[in-house]
């Protein structure tokens, strides 16, 4: 941040206080729309976390496994030997 302020001072030939105001303006414009750009990443992180947690009962909880087999997989369960 400080390097950019010093660069603004040099290019615009203004004192430090004016460079800070210019930097604040640039920072506000730069952050505009940041939430929308980051939204796909946030959705991906949330989805991966949810699926990772939901996978645990799909592996270790027999009633959940049987329910999912009836609902989605629809295959015959092999007999126990």
PDB file of N, CA and C in Angstrom:
ATOM      1  N   UNK A   1       0.817  -1.187   0.000  1.00  0.00           N
ATOM      2  CA  UNK A   1       0.000   0.000   0.000  1.00  0.00           C
ATOM      3  C   UNK A   1       0.869   1.263   0.000  1.00  0.00           C
ATOM      4  N   UNK A   2       1.869   1.212   0.831  1.00  0.00           N
ATOM      5  CA  UNK A   2       2.720   2.400   0.953  1.00  0.00           C
ATOM      6  C   UNK A   2       3.456   2.686  -0.350  1.00  0.00           C
ATOM      7  N   UNK A   3       3.862   1.649  -1.046  1.00  0.00           N
ATOM      8  CA  UNK A   3       4.562   1.834  -2.315  1.00  0.00           C
ATOM      9  C   UNK A   3       3.639   2.523  -3.324  1.00  0.00           C
ATOM     10  N   UNK A   4       2.376   2.126  -3.342  1.00  0.00           N
ATOM     11  CA  UNK A   4       1.430   2.753  -4.260  1.00  0.00           C
ATOM     12  C   UNK A   4       1.195   4.213  -3.887  1.00  0.00           C
ATOM     13  N   UNK A   5       1.131   4.506  -2.597  1.00  0.00           N
ATOM     14  CA  UNK A   5       0.979   5.918  -2.183  1.00  0.00           C
ATOM     15  C   UNK A   5       2.180   6.742  -2.645  1.00  0.00           C
ATOM     16  N   UNK A   6       3.359   6.189  -2.464  1.00  0.00           N
ATOM     17  CA  UNK A   6       4.573   6.913  -2.894  1.00  0.00           C
ATOM     18  C   UNK A   6       4.588   7.080  -4.414  1.00  0.00           C
ATOM     19  N   UNK A   7       4.098   6.073  -5.125  1.00  0.00           N
ATOM     20  CA  UNK A   7       4.028   6.165  -6.581  1.00  0.00           C
ATOM     21  C   UNK A   7       3.034   7.253  -7.000  1.00  0.00           C
ATOM     22  N   UNK A   8       1.899   7.331  -6.317  1.00  0.00           N
ATOM     23  CA  UNK A   8       0.918   8.386  -6.612  1.00  0.00           C
ATOM     24  C   UNK A   8       1.534   9.757  -6.350  1.00  0.00           C
ATOM     25  N   UNK A   9       2.281   9.869  -5.249  1.00  0.00           N
ATOM     26  CA  UNK A   9       2.952  11.140  -4.950  1.00  0.00           C
ATOM     27  C   UNK A   9       3.908  11.530  -6.069  1.00  0.00           C
ATOM     28  N   UNK A  10       4.629  10.559  -6.583  1.00  0.00           N
ATOM     29  CA  UNK A  10       5.620  10.832  -7.624  1.00  0.00           C
ATOM     30  C   UNK A  10       4.958  11.174  -8.954  1.00  0.00           C
ATOM     31  N   UNK A  11       3.970  10.394  -9.356  1.00  0.00           N
ATOM     32  CA  UNK A  11       3.344  10.582 -10.668  1.00  0.00           C
ATOM     33  C   UNK A  11       2.480  11.835 -10.693  1.00  0.00           C
ATOM     34  N   UNK A  12       1.666  12.021  -9.650  1.00  0.00           N
ATOM     35  CA  UNK A  12       0.752  13.177  -9.621  1.00  0.00           C
ATOM     36  C   UNK A  12       1.402  14.434  -9.059  1.00  0.00           C
ATOM     37  N   UNK A  13       2.590  14.286  -8.493  1.00  0.00           N
ATOM     38  CA  UNK A  13       3.316  15.398  -7.896  1.00  0.00           C
ATOM     39  C   UNK A  13       2.462  16.094  -6.828  1.00  0.00           C
ATOM     40  N   UNK A  14       1.980  15.288  -5.864  1.00  0.00           N
ATOM     41  CA  UNK A  14       1.123  15.793  -4.793  1.00  0.00           C
ATOM     42  C   UNK A  14       1.725  15.411  -3.450  1.00  0.00           C
ATOM     43  N   UNK A  15       1.326  16.094  -2.359  1.00  0.00           N
ATOM     44  CA  UNK A  15       1.830  15.715  -1.028  1.00  0.00           C
ATOM     45  C   UNK A  15       1.207  14.399  -0.555  1.00  0.00           C
ATOM     46  N   UNK A  16       1.730  13.913   0.551  1.00  0.00           N
ATOM     47  CA  UNK A  16       1.337  12.607   1.072  1.00  0.00           C
ATOM     48  C   UNK A  16      -0.160  12.547   1.402  1.00  0.00           C
ATOM     49  N   UNK A  17      -0.716  13.586   1.981  1.00  0.00           N
ATOM     50  CA  UNK A  17      -2.140  13.595   2.357  1.00  0.00           C
ATOM     51  C   UNK A  17      -3.029  13.438   1.117  1.00  0.00           C
ATOM     52  N   UNK A  18      -2.694  14.135   0.043  1.00  0.00           N
ATOM     53  CA  UNK A  18      -3.480  14.009  -1.190  1.00  0.00           C
ATOM     54  C   UNK A  18      -3.326  12.612  -1.789  1.00  0.00           C
ATOM     55  N   UNK A  19      -2.133  12.054  -1.702  1.00  0.00           N
ATOM     56  CA  UNK A  19      -1.904  10.700  -2.207  1.00  0.00           C
ATOM     57  C   UNK A  19      -2.719   9.690  -1.412  1.00  0.00           C
ATOM     58  N   UNK A  20      -2.867   9.917  -0.103  1.00  0.00           N
ATOM     59  CA  UNK A  20      -3.684   9.019   0.725  1.00  0.00           C
ATOM     60  C   UNK A  20      -5.147   9.085   0.313  1.00  0.00           C
ATOM     61  N   UNK A  21      -5.636  10.279   0.014  1.00  0.00           N
ATOM     62  CA  UNK A  21      -7.029  10.405  -0.451  1.00  0.00           C
ATOM     63  C   UNK A  21      -7.216   9.728  -1.808  1.00  0.00           C
ATOM     64  N   UNK A  22      -6.265   9.902  -2.701  1.00  0.00           N
ATOM     65  CA  UNK A  22      -6.334   9.249  -4.009  1.00  0.00           C
ATOM     66  C   UNK A  22      -6.276   7.735  -3.841  1.00  0.00           C
ATOM     67  N   UNK A  23      -5.415   7.275  -2.951  1.00  0.00           N
ATOM     68  CA  UNK A  23      -5.310   5.847  -2.690  1.00  0.00           C
ATOM     69  C   UNK A  23      -6.613   5.292  -2.126  1.00  0.00           C
ATOM     70  N   UNK A  24      -7.259   6.027  -1.223  1.00  0.00           N
ATOM     71  CA  UNK A  24      -8.532   5.581  -0.659  1.00  0.00           C
ATOM     72  C   UNK A  24      -9.596   5.459  -1.749  1.00  0.00           C
ATOM     73  N   UNK A  25      -9.608   6.409  -2.673  1.00  0.00           N
ATOM     74  CA  UNK A  25     -10.555   6.355  -3.796  1.00  0.00           C
ATOM     75  C   UNK A  25     -10.277   5.131  -4.666  1.00  0.00           C
ATOM     76  N   UNK A  26      -9.026   4.888  -4.972  1.00  0.00           N
ATOM     77  CA  UNK A  26      -8.649   3.726  -5.782  1.00  0.00           C
ATOM     78  C   UNK A  26      -9.037   2.434  -5.063  1.00  0.00           C
ATOM     79  N   UNK A  27      -8.817   2.403  -3.754  1.00  0.00           N
ATOM     80  CA  UNK A  27      -9.127   1.200  -2.978  1.00  0.00           C
ATOM     81  C   UNK A  27     -10.625   0.899  -2.992  1.00  0.00           C
ATOM     82  N   UNK A  28     -11.463   1.927  -2.853  1.00  0.00           N
ATOM     83  CA  UNK A  28     -12.914   1.728  -2.880  1.00  0.00           C
ATOM     84  C   UNK A  28     -13.355   1.214  -4.239  1.00  0.00           C
ATOM     85  N   UNK A  29     -12.848   1.800  -5.307  1.00  0.00           N
ATOM     86  CA  UNK A  29     -13.218   1.375  -6.658  1.00  0.00           C
ATOM     87  C   UNK A  29     -12.705  -0.040  -6.921  1.00  0.00           C
ATOM     88  N   UNK A  30     -11.519  -0.349  -6.434  1.00  0.00           N
ATOM     89  CA  UNK A  30     -10.932  -1.672  -6.644  1.00  0.00           C
ATOM     90  C   UNK A  30     -11.732  -2.767  -5.938  1.00  0.00           C
ATOM     91  N   UNK A  31     -12.267  -2.468  -4.752  1.00  0.00           N
ATOM     92  CA  UNK A  31     -13.013  -3.465  -3.990  1.00  0.00           C
ATOM     93  C   UNK A  31     -14.476  -3.567  -4.429  1.00  0.00           C
ATOM     94  N   UNK A  32     -14.900  -2.677  -5.304  1.00  0.00           N
ATOM     95  CA  UNK A  32     -16.278  -2.701  -5.782  1.00  0.00           C
ATOM     96  C   UNK A  32     -16.487  -3.966  -6.618  1.00  0.00           C
ATOM     97  N   UNK A  33     -17.503  -4.749  -6.263  1.00  0.00           N
ATOM     98  CA  UNK A  33     -17.791  -5.973  -6.985  1.00  0.00           C
ATOM     99  C   UNK A  33     -16.947  -7.158  -6.563  1.00  0.00           C
ATOM    100  N   UNK A  34     -16.121  -6.978  -5.538  1.00  0.00           N
ATOM    101  CA  UNK A  34     -15.254  -8.059  -5.080  1.00  0.00           C
ATOM    102  C   UNK A  34     -16.076  -9.247  -4.581  1.00  0.00           C
ATOM    103  N   UNK A  35     -17.189  -8.991  -3.897  1.00  0.00           N
ATOM    104  CA  UNK A  35     -18.020 -10.070  -3.370  1.00  0.00           C
ATOM    105  C   UNK A  35     -18.554 -10.941  -4.506  1.00  0.00           C
ATOM    106  N   UNK A  36     -18.979 -10.314  -5.579  1.00  0.00           N
ATOM    107  CA  UNK A  36     -19.528 -11.061  -6.708  1.00  0.00           C
ATOM    108  C   UNK A  36     -18.457 -11.909  -7.390  1.00  0.00           C
ATOM    109  N   UNK A  37     -17.260 -11.406  -7.476  1.00  0.00           N
ATOM    110  CA  UNK A  37     -16.163 -12.149  -8.095  1.00  0.00           C
ATOM    111  C   UNK A  37     -15.757 -13.338  -7.222  1.00  0.00           C
ATOM    112  N   UNK A  38     -15.792 -13.154  -5.909  1.00  0.00           N
ATOM    113  CA  UNK A  38     -15.381 -14.213  -4.978  1.00  0.00           C
ATOM    114  C   UNK A  38     -16.500 -15.219  -4.712  1.00  0.00           C
ATOM    115  N   UNK A  39     -17.710 -14.931  -5.152  1.00  0.00           N
ATOM    116  CA  UNK A  39     -18.847 -15.802  -4.865  1.00  0.00           C
ATOM    117  C   UNK A  39     -18.668 -17.240  -5.363  1.00  0.00           C
ATOM    118  N   UNK A  40     -18.187 -17.491  -6.580  1.00  0.00           N
ATOM    119  CA  UNK A  40     -17.995 -18.883  -6.997  1.00  0.00           C
ATOM    120  C   UNK A  40     -17.043 -19.660  -6.094  1.00  0.00           C
ATOM    121  N   UNK A  41     -16.009 -19.007  -5.598  1.00  0.00           N
ATOM    122  CA  UNK A  41     -15.072 -19.674  -4.699  1.00  0.00           C
ATOM    123  C   UNK A  41     -15.745 -20.004  -3.372  1.00  0.00           C
ATOM    124  N   UNK A  42     -16.548 -19.077  -2.863  1.00  0.00           N
ATOM    125  CA  UNK A  42     -17.252 -19.316  -1.602  1.00  0.00           C
ATOM    126  C   UNK A  42     -18.270 -20.437  -1.755  1.00  0.00           C
ATOM    127  N   UNK A  43     -18.978 -20.474  -2.876  1.00  0.00           N
ATOM    128  CA  UNK A  43     -19.931 -21.552  -3.134  1.00  0.00           C
ATOM    129  C   UNK A  43     -19.198 -22.892  -3.213  1.00  0.00           C
ATOM    130  N   UNK A  44     -18.050 -22.915  -3.876  1.00  0.00           N
ATOM    131  CA  UNK A  44     -17.260 -24.141  -3.987  1.00  0.00           C
ATOM    132  C   UNK A  44     -16.766 -24.633  -2.645  1.00  0.00           C
ATOM    133  N   UNK A  45     -16.292 -23.743  -1.821  1.00  0.00           N
ATOM    134  CA  UNK A  45     -15.797 -24.125  -0.498  1.00  0.00           C
ATOM    135  C   UNK A  45     -16.943 -24.650   0.360  1.00  0.00           C
ATOM    136  N   UNK A  46     -18.088 -23.966   0.326  1.00  0.00           N
ATOM    137  CA  UNK A  46     -19.250 -24.414   1.090  1.00  0.00           C
ATOM    138  C   UNK A  46     -19.718 -25.785   0.602  1.00  0.00           C
ATOM    139  N   UNK A  47     -19.802 -25.957  -0.705  1.00  0.00           N
ATOM    140  CA  UNK A  47     -20.270 -27.227  -1.272  1.00  0.00           C
ATOM    141  C   UNK A  47     -19.329 -28.376  -0.915  1.00  0.00           C
ATOM    142  N   UNK A  48     -18.041 -28.155  -1.039  1.00  0.00           N
ATOM    143  CA  UNK A  48     -17.068 -29.203  -0.716  1.00  0.00           C
ATOM    144  C   UNK A  48     -17.132 -29.580   0.762  1.00  0.00           C
ATOM    145  N   UNK A  49     -17.298 -28.594   1.621  1.00  0.00           N
ATOM    146  CA  UNK A  49     -17.412 -28.866   3.053  1.00  0.00           C
ATOM    147  C   UNK A  49     -18.677 -29.662   3.348  1.00  0.00           C
ATOM    148  N   UNK A  50     -19.792 -29.243   2.755  1.00  0.00           N
ATOM    149  CA  UNK A  50     -21.061 -29.934   2.981  1.00  0.00           C
ATOM    150  C   UNK A  50     -20.997 -31.378   2.490  1.00  0.00           C
ATOM    151  N   UNK A  51     -20.479 -31.581   1.288  1.00  0.00           N
ATOM    152  CA  UNK A  51     -20.401 -32.934   0.727  1.00  0.00           C
ATOM    153  C   UNK A  51     -19.431 -33.795   1.541  1.00  0.00           C
ATOM    154  N   UNK A  52     -18.341 -33.222   1.990  1.00  0.00           N
ATOM    155  CA  UNK A  52     -17.387 -33.965   2.812  1.00  0.00           C
ATOM    156  C   UNK A  52     -17.998 -34.428   4.123  1.00  0.00           C
ATOM    157  N   UNK A  53     -18.769 -33.561   4.749  1.00  0.00           N
ATOM    158  CA  UNK A  53     -19.423 -33.940   6.003  1.00  0.00           C
ATOM    159  C   UNK A  53     -20.544 -34.934   5.743  1.00  0.00           C
ATOM    160  N   UNK A  54     -21.302 -34.744   4.673  1.00  0.00           N
ATOM    161  CA  UNK A  54     -22.409 -35.639   4.347  1.00  0.00           C
ATOM    162  C   UNK A  54     -21.913 -37.026   3.932  1.00  0.00           C
ATOM    163  N   UNK A  55     -20.697 -37.139   3.474  1.00  0.00           N
ATOM    164  CA  UNK A  55     -20.169 -38.430   3.029  1.00  0.00           C
ATOM    165  C   UNK A  55     -19.885 -39.370   4.190  1.00  0.00           C
ATOM    166  N   UNK A  56     -19.643 -38.834   5.366  1.00  0.00           N
ATOM    167  CA  UNK A  56     -19.305 -39.682   6.512  1.00  0.00           C
ATOM    168  C   UNK A  56     -20.438 -40.652   6.846  1.00  0.00           C
ATOM    169  N   UNK A  57     -21.700 -40.194   6.993  1.00  0.00           N
ATOM    170  CA  UNK A  57     -22.749 -41.177   7.258  1.00  0.00           C
ATOM    171  C   UNK A  57     -23.028 -42.091   6.064  1.00  0.00           C
ATOM    172  N   UNK A  58     -22.699 -41.648   4.858  1.00  0.00           N
ATOM    173  CA  UNK A  58     -22.918 -42.496   3.688  1.00  0.00           C
ATOM    174  C   UNK A  58     -21.947 -43.678   3.668  1.00  0.00           C
ATOM    175  N   UNK A  59     -20.928 -43.621   4.488  1.00  0.00           N
ATOM    176  CA  UNK A  59     -19.946 -44.702   4.543  1.00  0.00           C
ATOM    177  C   UNK A  59     -20.095 -45.529   5.817  1.00  0.00           C
ATOM    178  N   UNK A  60     -20.412 -44.873   6.937  1.00  0.00           N
ATOM    179  CA  UNK A  60     -20.338 -45.565   8.221  1.00  0.00           C
ATOM    180  C   UNK A  60     -21.683 -45.792   8.908  1.00  0.00           C
ATOM    181  N   UNK A  61     -22.778 -45.278   8.414  1.00  0.00           N
ATOM    182  CA  UNK A  61     -24.070 -45.403   9.088  1.00  0.00           C
ATOM    183  C   UNK A  61     -24.992 -46.261   8.224  1.00  0.00           C
ATOM    184  N   UNK A  62     -25.234 -47.494   8.664  1.00  0.00           N
ATOM    185  CA  UNK A  62     -25.971 -48.468   7.858  1.00  0.00           C
ATOM    186  C   UNK A  62     -27.377 -48.007   7.468  1.00  0.00           C
ATOM    187  N   UNK A  63     -28.198 -47.425   8.365  1.00  0.00           N
ATOM    188  CA  UNK A  63     -29.519 -46.966   7.926  1.00  0.00           C
ATOM    189  C   UNK A  63     -29.445 -45.899   6.830  1.00  0.00           C
ATOM    190  N   UNK A  64     -28.467 -45.026   6.900  1.00  0.00           N
ATOM    191  CA  UNK A  64     -28.300 -44.019   5.848  1.00  0.00           C
ATOM    192  C   UNK A  64     -27.895 -44.678   4.541  1.00  0.00           C
ATOM    193  N   UNK A  65     -27.029 -45.647   4.603  1.00  0.00           N
ATOM    194  CA  UNK A  65     -26.600 -46.370   3.406  1.00  0.00           C
ATOM    195  C   UNK A  65     -27.781 -47.081   2.760  1.00  0.00           C
ATOM    196  N   UNK A  66     -28.604 -47.746   3.588  1.00  0.00           N
ATOM    197  CA  UNK A  66     -29.770 -48.446   3.050  1.00  0.00           C
ATOM    198  C   UNK A  66     -30.776 -47.476   2.445  1.00  0.00           C
ATOM    199  N   UNK A  67     -30.999 -46.343   3.115  1.00  0.00           N
ATOM    200  CA  UNK A  67     -31.922 -45.330   2.571  1.00  0.00           C
ATOM    201  C   UNK A  67     -31.425 -44.816   1.228  1.00  0.00           C
ATOM    202  N   UNK A  68     -30.138 -44.498   1.143  1.00  0.00           N
ATOM    203  CA  UNK A  68     -29.585 -43.973  -0.104  1.00  0.00           C
ATOM    204  C   UNK A  68     -29.632 -45.027  -1.204  1.00  0.00           C
ATOM    205  N   UNK A  69     -29.452 -46.282  -0.857  1.00  0.00           N
ATOM    206  CA  UNK A  69     -29.531 -47.362  -1.836  1.00  0.00           C
ATOM    207  C   UNK A  69     -30.943 -47.447  -2.419  1.00  0.00           C
ATOM    208  N   UNK A  70     -31.954 -47.333  -1.588  1.00  0.00           N
ATOM    209  CA  UNK A  70     -33.342 -47.382  -2.068  1.00  0.00           C
ATOM    210  C   UNK A  70     -33.670 -46.129  -2.878  1.00  0.00           C
ATOM    211  N   UNK A  71     -33.214 -44.979  -2.420  1.00  0.00           N
ATOM    212  CA  UNK A  71     -33.580 -43.707  -3.037  1.00  0.00           C
ATOM    213  C   UNK A  71     -32.843 -43.439  -4.346  1.00  0.00           C
ATOM    214  N   UNK A  72     -31.547 -43.728  -4.407  1.00  0.00           N
ATOM    215  CA  UNK A  72     -30.750 -43.300  -5.548  1.00  0.00           C
ATOM    216  C   UNK A  72     -30.085 -44.447  -6.304  1.00  0.00           C
ATOM    217  N   UNK A  73     -29.542 -45.409  -5.618  1.00  0.00           N
ATOM    218  CA  UNK A  73     -28.749 -46.441  -6.280  1.00  0.00           C
ATOM    219  C   UNK A  73     -29.638 -47.520  -6.880  1.00  0.00           C
ATOM    220  N   UNK A  74     -30.644 -47.947  -6.144  1.00  0.00           N
ATOM    221  CA  UNK A  74     -31.609 -48.973  -6.550  1.00  0.00           C
ATOM    222  C   UNK A  74     -30.961 -50.268  -7.041  1.00  0.00           C
ATOM    223  N   UNK A  75     -30.024 -50.766  -6.276  1.00  0.00           N
ATOM    224  CA  UNK A  75     -29.415 -52.051  -6.597  1.00  0.00           C
ATOM    225  C   UNK A  75     -29.745 -53.050  -5.494  1.00  0.00           C
ATOM    226  N   UNK A  76     -29.686 -54.318  -5.818  1.00  0.00           N
ATOM    227  CA  UNK A  76     -29.936 -55.342  -4.828  1.00  0.00           C
ATOM    228  C   UNK A  76     -28.775 -55.440  -3.861  1.00  0.00           C
ATOM    229  N   UNK A  77     -29.099 -55.614  -2.611  1.00  0.00           N
ATOM    230  CA  UNK A  77     -28.076 -55.761  -1.588  1.00  0.00           C
ATOM    231  C   UNK A  77     -27.666 -57.224  -1.550  1.00  0.00           C
ATOM    232  N   UNK A  78     -26.379 -57.538  -1.660  1.00  0.00           N
ATOM    233  CA  UNK A  78     -25.954 -58.934  -1.635  1.00  0.00           C
ATOM    234  C   UNK A  78     -26.203 -59.548  -0.265  1.00  0.00           C
ATOM    235  N   UNK A  79     -26.434 -60.828  -0.263  1.00  0.00           N
ATOM    236  CA  UNK A  79     -26.677 -61.540   0.988  1.00  0.00           C
ATOM    237  C   UNK A  79     -25.379 -61.657   1.785  1.00  0.00           C
ATOM    238  N   UNK A  80     -25.535 -61.670   3.103  1.00  0.00           N
ATOM    239  CA  UNK A  80     -24.373 -61.844   3.985  1.00  0.00           C
ATOM    240  C   UNK A  80     -23.948 -63.309   3.953  1.00  0.00           C
ATOM    241  N   UNK A  81     -22.666 -63.557   3.910  1.00  0.00           N
ATOM    242  CA  UNK A  81     -22.139 -64.924   3.868  1.00  0.00           C
ATOM    243  C   UNK A  81     -21.582 -65.316   5.199  1.00  0.00           C
TER     244      UNK A  81
END
